[in-house]
Amino acid sequence: MPVSKKTLAVLTSTRAEYGLLRPVLQKLAASGSLAPALVVTGAHLAAQYGETVREIEADAAGGVIAPIAARLPILPAAGAAEPTAETAARALAVFNAYFAAHRPAAVLLLGDRYEIFAAAAAAALAGIPIAHISGGDVTLGAADDWYRHCITKMAHLHFPSCAVYAQRLVRMGEAPETVHCVGGLGDENIRGLLKLSRGMLSESLGFDLSESAGRFGLVTFHPETAPGARAPEAQMAGLLAALERVGEAEGVRWLLTGANADAGGEAVNRMAAAWAAARPGRAAFFVSLGARRYLSAMQYAAVVAGNSSSGVVETPSFGVPAVNIGRRQAGRIRCGNVICCDASEAAIEAALHTALSPAFAAAAKQVQSPYRGEDTSGQIVRILEQALADPAFGAPKGFYDGPVPEALARAAAQQAETV
């Protein structure tokens, strides 16, 4: 008699998050006890952000992942300004309706964006257990910081990317047995995803990134969303001016990718697109590269610049110099290949020159990523299978007041010493 599988809803709203979830979805598709229901929402369904649902559709058509179970639009129309609270409220209502109609056994969420917070709130209010990937991080320059911690308190199962973050979750009152330090999905992707050669990447983009064309930098800049942050247009203007000066002085060309769906993201994208269009052969802008092209570009880049989490979390696995601009990622563990600077033209220019120096490039190659794991996606799926097989999973949580386990505290201390 066939075993009845339990439905696990997996939500994705951005290109970066889907790239991280992809290996998890692959393994879930082969699970003997879990049936993934992939819910696509947010920027994936918006033309102004590259309509990246097409990448997901291609993976599903190729049998890489299970078919999309639902498409849930939540964003306002392109060009329409709307407070984040209104978008989050709409998202909460949309996710609530989906969970009420389909009632999955659990929900798997990754990250810290407002729409992920809305999905977590909808699931928690419906009494549906939540498993959360990437809790315990700190990003002081974005509202994502408190979204993430709120999701932690609603979740029953946690998959932090490194020991320092796992220790933080226990200190937040999460029971140690629910916290599984499995490593970073980004590091696993870097090690496991088949990447393009420089020639193939150049052909795919229509922009020459071959060795004979010289060095290039990969740039992604998102609006800062913390209270008191400067207008994203002002920050982007400083970044573009710095790219101009450094590009001329160092002979570096720039590959720019689009901002996310935060307020101000469309304006940042318009500025980047116009700037690149005025510099053919020296710069190119793409709303989205997709995971394979993005990681391929990161592998060959002379520097990765901007304020994306990938600049801090994924560049150490490649040993690529990175310049982290402004406060959006402030608080994350930072390896020695990352230079942090203020979001001003002069500071960005100085940091880029340092990052592009031969001495810094050589030092960057020696760093060791704190996010490295072994079969991170496989561990996540196995733990999910075991958890959902337990009839007690999802019971009301208590607040853990005990000590951090000695082994975890020791691992966190050792990790902190190496970055």
Protein backbone atom coordinates (compact mmCIF):
# COMPACT_ATOMS: atom_id res chain seq x y z
CA MET A 1 0.00 0.00 0.00
CA PRO A 2 1.59 3.36 -1.04
CA VAL A 3 2.64 5.71 1.75
CA SER A 4 0.65 8.97 1.87
CA LYS A 5 3.02 11.90 1.54
CA LYS A 6 2.69 15.02 3.64
CA THR A 7 2.46 18.31 1.77
CA LEU A 8 5.23 20.80 2.47
CA ALA A 9 4.55 24.27 1.06
CA VAL A 10 7.76 25.98 -0.10
CA LEU A 11 7.52 29.70 -0.84
CA THR A 12 9.79 31.72 -3.12
CA SER A 13 9.52 35.40 -3.98
CA THR A 14 12.91 36.49 -5.36
CA ARG A 15 15.55 35.24 -7.80
CA ALA A 16 18.24 35.04 -5.09
CA GLU A 17 16.07 33.03 -2.73
CA TYR A 18 15.01 30.61 -5.47
CA GLY A 19 18.65 30.04 -6.40
CA LEU A 20 19.31 28.99 -2.82
CA LEU A 21 16.18 26.83 -2.55
CA ARG A 22 16.73 25.05 -5.85
CA PRO A 23 18.81 22.12 -4.48
CA VAL A 24 16.33 21.71 -1.61
CA LEU A 25 13.46 21.54 -4.11
CA GLN A 26 15.38 18.99 -6.18
CA LYS A 27 15.76 16.68 -3.20
CA LEU A 28 12.19 17.26 -2.02
CA ALA A 29 10.96 16.13 -5.45
CA ALA A 30 12.61 12.76 -4.75
CA SER A 31 11.41 12.46 -1.15
CA GLY A 32 9.48 9.35 -0.23
CA SER A 33 7.47 11.05 2.52
CA LEU A 34 7.13 14.73 1.56
CA ALA A 35 5.27 16.28 -1.37
CA PRO A 36 6.55 19.80 -2.10
CA ALA A 37 4.00 22.43 -3.11
CA LEU A 38 6.00 25.28 -4.65
CA VAL A 39 4.32 28.65 -4.15
CA VAL A 40 5.69 31.40 -6.41
CA THR A 41 5.03 35.03 -5.52
CA GLY A 42 6.53 38.53 -5.28
CA ALA A 43 9.15 39.71 -7.75
CA HIS A 44 9.06 36.41 -9.65
CA LEU A 45 5.72 37.39 -11.16
CA ALA A 46 6.56 41.05 -11.91
CA ALA A 47 7.81 42.12 -15.34
CA GLN A 48 9.69 45.09 -13.86
CA TYR A 49 11.87 42.67 -11.88
CA GLY A 50 12.59 40.34 -14.76
CA GLU A 51 9.62 37.97 -14.44
CA THR A 52 12.01 35.39 -13.03
CA VAL A 53 9.24 32.79 -12.75
CA ARG A 54 10.44 31.72 -16.21
CA GLU A 55 13.61 30.25 -14.68
CA ILE A 56 11.43 28.22 -12.29
CA GLU A 57 9.17 27.11 -15.14
CA ALA A 58 12.21 25.90 -17.10
CA ASP A 59 13.45 23.85 -14.14
CA ALA A 60 9.98 22.32 -13.66
CA ALA A 61 9.66 21.54 -17.37
CA GLY A 62 13.04 19.83 -17.28
CA GLY A 63 12.06 17.68 -14.32
CA VAL A 64 14.63 19.34 -12.05
CA ILE A 65 11.93 20.31 -9.52
CA ALA A 66 8.24 19.56 -9.04
CA PRO A 67 5.76 21.73 -10.98
CA ILE A 68 4.66 25.08 -9.56
CA ALA A 69 1.66 24.56 -7.28
CA ALA A 70 0.46 28.17 -7.08
CA ARG A 71 1.26 31.67 -8.36
CA LEU A 72 0.24 34.36 -5.90
CA PRO A 73 0.74 37.97 -7.10
CA ILE A 74 1.21 40.43 -4.24
CA LEU A 75 3.10 43.43 -5.68
CA PRO A 76 1.50 46.67 -6.90
CA ALA A 77 1.55 47.51 -10.59
CA ALA A 78 4.86 48.63 -12.09
CA GLY A 79 5.58 52.25 -11.24
CA ALA A 80 2.93 52.41 -8.51
CA ALA A 81 4.31 53.69 -5.22
CA GLU A 82 2.96 51.85 -2.19
CA PRO A 83 4.04 51.71 1.47
CA THR A 84 5.58 48.38 2.40
CA ALA A 85 2.92 47.93 5.08
CA GLU A 86 0.19 47.91 2.40
CA THR A 87 2.03 45.32 0.30
CA ALA A 88 2.66 43.18 3.37
CA ALA A 89 -1.01 43.43 4.36
CA ARG A 90 -2.09 42.31 0.90
CA ALA A 91 0.45 39.47 1.02
CA LEU A 92 -0.86 38.35 4.42
CA ALA A 93 -4.40 38.13 3.06
CA VAL A 94 -3.28 36.28 -0.09
CA PHE A 95 -1.19 33.75 1.84
CA ASN A 96 -3.92 33.28 4.42
CA ALA A 97 -6.39 32.40 1.66
CA TYR A 98 -3.96 29.91 0.13
CA PHE A 99 -3.20 28.18 3.44
CA ALA A 100 -6.90 28.01 4.31
CA ALA A 101 -7.70 26.37 0.97
CA HIS A 102 -4.80 23.90 0.86
CA ARG A 103 -3.73 23.36 4.48
CA PRO A 104 -0.16 22.01 4.06
CA ALA A 105 1.40 19.97 6.85
CA ALA A 106 4.15 22.61 7.18
CA VAL A 107 5.66 25.61 5.40
CA LEU A 108 9.34 26.02 4.47
CA LEU A 109 10.54 29.62 4.30
CA LEU A 110 13.96 31.10 3.54
CA GLY A 111 15.22 34.48 4.57
CA ASP A 112 13.93 37.71 5.92
CA ARG A 113 11.96 39.83 3.48
CA TYR A 114 8.62 41.44 4.31
CA GLU A 115 6.67 39.01 2.12
CA ILE A 116 8.34 36.06 3.89
CA PHE A 117 7.33 37.65 7.19
CA ALA A 118 3.76 37.94 5.88
CA ALA A 119 3.77 34.28 4.84
CA ALA A 120 5.10 33.25 8.25
CA ALA A 121 2.41 35.30 10.01
CA ALA A 122 -0.33 33.75 7.85
CA ALA A 123 0.96 30.24 8.55
CA ALA A 124 1.34 30.88 12.29
CA LEU A 125 -2.16 32.32 12.55
CA ALA A 126 -3.49 29.23 10.77
CA GLY A 127 -1.60 26.91 13.14
CA ILE A 128 0.65 25.55 10.37
CA PRO A 129 4.21 24.71 11.53
CA ILE A 130 7.06 26.70 9.97
CA ALA A 131 10.59 25.58 9.11
CA HIS A 132 12.94 28.52 8.58
CA ILE A 133 16.23 28.70 6.68
CA SER A 134 18.79 31.44 7.49
CA GLY A 135 17.62 32.57 10.90
CA GLY A 136 20.00 34.15 13.39
CA ASP A 137 21.65 36.56 10.94
CA VAL A 138 21.94 40.27 11.69
CA THR A 139 21.53 42.99 9.03
CA LEU A 140 21.33 46.34 10.79
CA GLY A 141 20.84 48.38 7.63
CA ALA A 142 17.56 46.77 6.59
CA ALA A 143 14.11 46.25 8.04
CA ASP A 144 14.76 42.61 7.12
CA ASP A 145 16.63 42.36 10.44
CA TRP A 146 13.50 42.39 12.57
CA TYR A 147 11.41 40.51 9.99
CA ARG A 148 13.92 37.68 10.32
CA HIS A 149 13.82 37.58 14.10
CA CYS A 150 10.01 37.66 14.10
CA ILE A 151 9.99 34.67 11.74
CA THR A 152 12.33 32.87 14.14
CA LYS A 153 9.86 33.24 16.99
CA MET A 154 7.04 31.86 14.80
CA ALA A 155 9.09 28.91 13.49
CA HIS A 156 9.31 25.41 14.97
CA LEU A 157 12.42 24.30 13.07
CA HIS A 158 15.54 26.28 12.24
CA PHE A 159 18.32 25.88 9.67
CA PRO A 160 20.93 28.60 10.36
CA SER A 161 23.91 28.81 8.04
CA CYS A 162 26.71 28.87 10.61
CA ALA A 163 27.45 28.22 14.28
CA VAL A 164 27.46 31.88 15.33
CA TYR A 165 23.91 32.27 14.04
CA ALA A 166 22.81 28.97 15.55
CA GLN A 167 24.09 30.11 18.93
CA ARG A 168 22.12 33.35 18.56
CA LEU A 169 18.89 31.41 17.93
CA VAL A 170 19.34 29.45 21.16
CA ARG A 171 19.95 32.72 23.01
CA MET A 172 16.68 33.96 21.52
CA GLY A 173 14.91 31.15 23.35
CA GLU A 174 14.78 28.47 20.64
CA ALA A 175 15.28 24.94 21.96
CA PRO A 176 18.70 23.55 20.88
CA GLU A 177 17.14 20.37 19.46
CA THR A 178 15.17 22.50 16.96
CA VAL A 179 18.27 24.36 15.72
CA HIS A 180 20.23 22.55 13.02
CA CYS A 181 23.46 24.19 11.85
CA VAL A 182 23.66 22.78 8.33
CA GLY A 183 25.86 25.30 6.50
CA GLY A 184 24.95 27.72 3.75
CA LEU A 185 22.92 26.81 0.69
CA GLY A 186 24.87 29.43 -1.24
CA ASP A 187 28.13 27.63 -0.55
CA GLU A 188 26.56 24.34 -1.63
CA ASN A 189 25.38 25.93 -4.88
CA ILE A 190 28.83 27.27 -5.57
CA ARG A 191 30.35 23.83 -5.11
CA GLY A 192 27.65 21.87 -6.90
CA LEU A 193 26.18 24.03 -9.68
CA LEU A 194 27.71 23.52 -13.12
CA LYS A 195 28.97 26.97 -14.06
CA LEU A 196 29.53 28.52 -17.47
CA SER A 197 32.94 29.14 -19.00
CA ARG A 198 33.87 32.77 -19.57
CA GLY A 199 33.23 32.32 -23.26
CA MET A 200 29.81 30.76 -22.72
CA LEU A 201 28.91 33.45 -20.20
CA SER A 202 29.94 36.20 -22.63
CA GLU A 203 27.88 34.65 -25.41
CA SER A 204 24.87 34.24 -23.14
CA LEU A 205 24.99 37.89 -22.05
CA GLY A 206 26.10 39.49 -25.29
CA PHE A 207 28.77 41.27 -23.24
CA ASP A 208 32.44 40.33 -23.50
CA LEU A 209 33.71 38.94 -20.21
CA SER A 210 36.57 36.92 -21.70
CA GLU A 211 40.05 37.09 -20.20
CA SER A 212 41.31 38.93 -23.29
CA ALA A 213 38.79 41.71 -22.61
CA GLY A 214 40.33 42.37 -19.19
CA ARG A 215 38.94 42.57 -15.70
CA PHE A 216 35.31 43.13 -14.81
CA GLY A 217 33.32 43.79 -11.66
CA LEU A 218 29.91 42.37 -10.68
CA VAL A 219 27.62 44.96 -9.07
CA THR A 220 24.28 44.60 -7.26
CA PHE A 221 22.80 47.41 -5.19
CA HIS A 222 19.53 47.26 -3.23
CA PRO A 223 17.77 50.11 -1.40
CA GLU A 224 18.53 50.39 2.30
CA THR A 225 15.28 50.04 4.22
CA ALA A 226 16.27 50.81 7.81
CA PRO A 227 14.84 54.01 9.34
CA GLY A 228 16.97 57.06 8.56
CA ALA A 229 18.66 55.59 5.49
CA ARG A 230 19.59 57.98 2.68
CA ALA A 231 17.42 57.95 -0.42
CA PRO A 232 18.42 54.99 -2.62
CA GLU A 233 18.73 57.29 -5.67
CA ALA A 234 21.37 59.37 -3.88
CA GLN A 235 23.32 56.29 -2.87
CA MET A 236 23.10 54.85 -6.37
CA ALA A 237 24.34 58.11 -7.89
CA GLY A 238 27.44 57.93 -5.69
CA LEU A 239 28.03 54.30 -6.61
CA LEU A 240 27.75 54.95 -10.35
CA ALA A 241 30.11 57.91 -10.15
CA ALA A 242 32.65 55.74 -8.31
CA LEU A 243 32.29 52.96 -10.88
CA GLU A 244 32.98 55.50 -13.64
CA ARG A 245 36.18 56.76 -12.07
CA VAL A 246 37.51 53.37 -11.01
CA GLY A 247 36.60 51.80 -14.33
CA GLU A 248 38.63 54.40 -16.21
CA ALA A 249 41.60 54.29 -13.81
CA GLU A 250 41.79 50.49 -13.47
CA GLY A 251 40.57 49.44 -16.92
CA VAL A 252 37.65 47.54 -15.36
CA ARG A 253 34.25 46.99 -17.01
CA TRP A 254 31.06 46.57 -15.01
CA LEU A 255 28.28 43.98 -15.07
CA LEU A 256 25.31 45.34 -13.12
CA THR A 257 22.29 43.34 -11.96
CA GLY A 258 18.92 44.66 -10.80
CA ALA A 259 17.75 45.62 -7.35
CA ASN A 260 15.05 43.72 -5.48
CA ALA A 261 11.41 44.66 -4.92
CA ASP A 262 11.99 46.94 -1.94
CA ALA A 263 10.73 50.52 -2.12
CA GLY A 264 13.08 52.43 -4.43
CA GLY A 265 14.20 49.32 -6.31
CA GLU A 266 12.60 50.36 -9.60
CA ALA A 267 14.29 53.79 -9.44
CA VAL A 268 17.68 52.19 -8.77
CA ASN A 269 17.17 49.87 -11.74
CA ARG A 270 16.29 52.75 -14.06
CA MET A 271 19.47 54.58 -13.05
CA ALA A 272 21.64 51.48 -13.54
CA ALA A 273 20.07 50.66 -16.92
CA ALA A 274 20.52 54.21 -18.24
CA TRP A 275 24.11 54.42 -16.99
CA ALA A 276 25.09 51.12 -18.60
CA ALA A 277 23.29 51.92 -21.87
CA ALA A 278 25.36 55.10 -22.19
CA ARG A 279 28.58 53.07 -21.91
CA PRO A 280 28.35 50.26 -24.47
CA GLY A 281 31.22 47.80 -24.21
CA ARG A 282 32.19 49.19 -20.80
CA ALA A 283 29.06 48.32 -18.82
CA ALA A 284 25.97 46.15 -19.11
CA PHE A 285 22.81 45.94 -17.01
CA PHE A 286 20.53 42.93 -16.53
CA VAL A 287 17.48 42.91 -14.30
CA SER A 288 18.29 39.30 -13.44
CA LEU A 289 21.07 36.92 -14.46
CA GLY A 290 19.63 33.74 -12.95
CA ALA A 291 21.59 31.62 -10.50
CA ARG A 292 23.89 29.91 -13.00
CA ARG A 293 25.00 33.06 -14.82
CA TYR A 294 25.26 35.04 -11.58
CA LEU A 295 27.53 32.52 -9.86
CA SER A 296 29.54 32.07 -13.04
CA ALA A 297 30.09 35.83 -13.21
CA MET A 298 31.06 35.92 -9.52
CA GLN A 299 33.63 33.20 -10.11
CA TYR A 300 35.44 35.24 -12.78
CA ALA A 301 34.93 38.76 -11.39
CA ALA A 302 37.87 40.82 -10.21
CA VAL A 303 35.57 42.37 -7.58
CA VAL A 304 31.98 42.00 -6.40
CA ALA A 305 30.48 45.31 -5.25
CA GLY A 306 27.20 46.55 -3.80
CA ASN A 307 25.14 45.60 -0.78
CA SER A 308 23.66 42.21 -1.67
CA SER A 309 23.99 39.45 0.92
CA SER A 310 25.77 37.39 -1.74
CA GLY A 311 28.69 39.82 -1.60
CA VAL A 312 29.22 38.92 2.05
CA VAL A 313 27.96 35.33 2.20
CA GLU A 314 28.96 33.79 -1.14
CA THR A 315 32.15 35.58 -2.24
CA PRO A 316 34.26 33.89 0.48
CA SER A 317 33.61 30.51 -1.16
CA PHE A 318 35.23 31.84 -4.34
CA GLY A 319 37.92 33.86 -2.60
CA VAL A 320 36.83 36.89 -4.66
CA PRO A 321 37.43 40.46 -3.37
CA ALA A 322 34.19 42.16 -2.36
CA VAL A 323 33.18 45.70 -1.47
CA ASN A 324 30.15 45.89 0.82
CA ILE A 325 28.59 49.35 0.59
CA GLY A 326 26.58 51.05 3.33
CA ARG A 327 24.78 49.43 6.25
CA ARG A 328 22.34 47.03 4.62
CA GLN A 329 24.47 43.99 5.55
CA ALA A 330 25.94 45.43 8.76
CA GLY A 331 26.08 42.75 11.44
CA ARG A 332 26.69 39.72 9.24
CA ILE A 333 29.84 37.69 9.72
CA ARG A 334 32.42 39.26 7.43
CA CYS A 335 35.40 37.38 6.01
CA GLY A 336 38.76 38.92 5.16
CA ASN A 337 37.90 39.16 1.45
CA VAL A 338 35.20 41.78 2.19
CA ILE A 339 35.86 45.51 2.53
CA CYS A 340 33.04 47.53 4.11
CA CYS A 341 32.65 51.20 3.24
CA ASP A 342 30.24 54.09 3.55
CA ALA A 343 27.73 54.65 0.74
CA SER A 344 29.52 57.77 -0.53
CA GLU A 345 31.33 58.23 -3.82
CA ALA A 346 34.75 58.83 -2.25
CA ALA A 347 34.50 55.88 0.14
CA ILE A 348 33.30 53.50 -2.57
CA GLU A 349 36.05 54.62 -4.94
CA ALA A 350 38.77 54.08 -2.31
CA ALA A 351 37.41 50.65 -1.35
CA LEU A 352 37.23 49.53 -4.99
CA HIS A 353 40.84 50.56 -5.63
CA THR A 354 41.95 48.55 -2.58
CA ALA A 355 39.89 45.52 -3.58
CA LEU A 356 41.34 45.57 -7.09
CA SER A 357 44.95 45.66 -5.88
CA PRO A 358 47.06 42.52 -6.45
CA ALA A 359 47.87 42.27 -2.74
CA PHE A 360 44.23 42.25 -1.65
CA ALA A 361 43.25 39.82 -4.42
CA ALA A 362 45.95 37.41 -3.23
CA ALA A 363 44.79 37.70 0.39
CA ALA A 364 41.15 37.17 -0.61
CA LYS A 365 41.98 33.81 -2.17
CA GLN A 366 43.14 32.52 1.23
CA VAL A 367 39.93 33.10 3.22
CA GLN A 368 37.76 30.25 4.46
CA SER A 369 34.00 30.60 4.38
CA PRO A 370 32.15 30.21 7.70
CA TYR A 371 29.09 29.16 5.69
CA ARG A 372 30.56 25.96 4.32
CA GLY A 373 28.48 22.84 4.92
CA GLU A 374 28.31 19.30 3.63
CA ASP A 375 25.20 18.42 1.62
CA THR A 376 23.27 21.28 3.20
CA SER A 377 20.12 20.71 1.13
CA GLY A 378 20.17 16.97 1.80
CA GLN A 379 20.46 17.57 5.55
CA ILE A 380 17.53 19.99 5.45
CA VAL A 381 15.30 17.50 3.64
CA ARG A 382 16.23 14.60 5.91
CA ILE A 383 15.52 16.66 9.03
CA LEU A 384 12.21 17.83 7.57
CA GLU A 385 11.21 14.25 6.79
CA GLN A 386 11.98 13.19 10.34
CA ALA A 387 10.23 16.19 11.91
CA LEU A 388 7.03 15.84 9.91
CA ALA A 389 6.86 12.15 10.74
CA ASP A 390 6.57 13.08 14.43
CA PRO A 391 2.91 13.56 15.46
CA ALA A 392 4.05 16.13 18.05
CA PHE A 393 5.67 18.41 15.46
CA GLY A 394 4.03 21.82 15.51
CA ALA A 395 2.90 21.65 19.13
CA PRO A 396 2.95 25.00 20.97
CA LYS A 397 6.49 26.22 21.58
CA GLY A 398 8.01 26.99 24.92
CA PHE A 399 10.78 29.51 25.58
CA TYR A 400 14.13 27.83 26.15
CA ASP A 401 15.91 29.42 29.14
CA GLY A 402 18.78 26.95 29.37
CA PRO A 403 22.43 27.39 28.40
CA VAL A 404 23.87 27.24 24.90
CA PRO A 405 25.15 23.68 24.39
CA GLU A 406 28.90 23.53 24.98
CA ALA A 407 29.71 22.08 21.56
CA LEU A 408 27.76 24.84 19.80
CA ALA A 409 29.35 27.58 21.90
CA ARG A 410 32.80 26.17 21.17
CA ALA A 411 32.10 25.97 17.41
CA ALA A 412 30.77 29.54 17.38
CA ALA A 413 33.85 30.82 19.22
CA GLN A 414 36.22 29.06 16.84
CA GLN A 415 34.30 30.38 13.85
CA ALA A 416 34.36 33.94 15.14
CA GLU A 417 38.18 33.72 15.44
CA THR A 418 38.62 32.75 11.79
CA VAL A 419 36.69 35.62 10.15
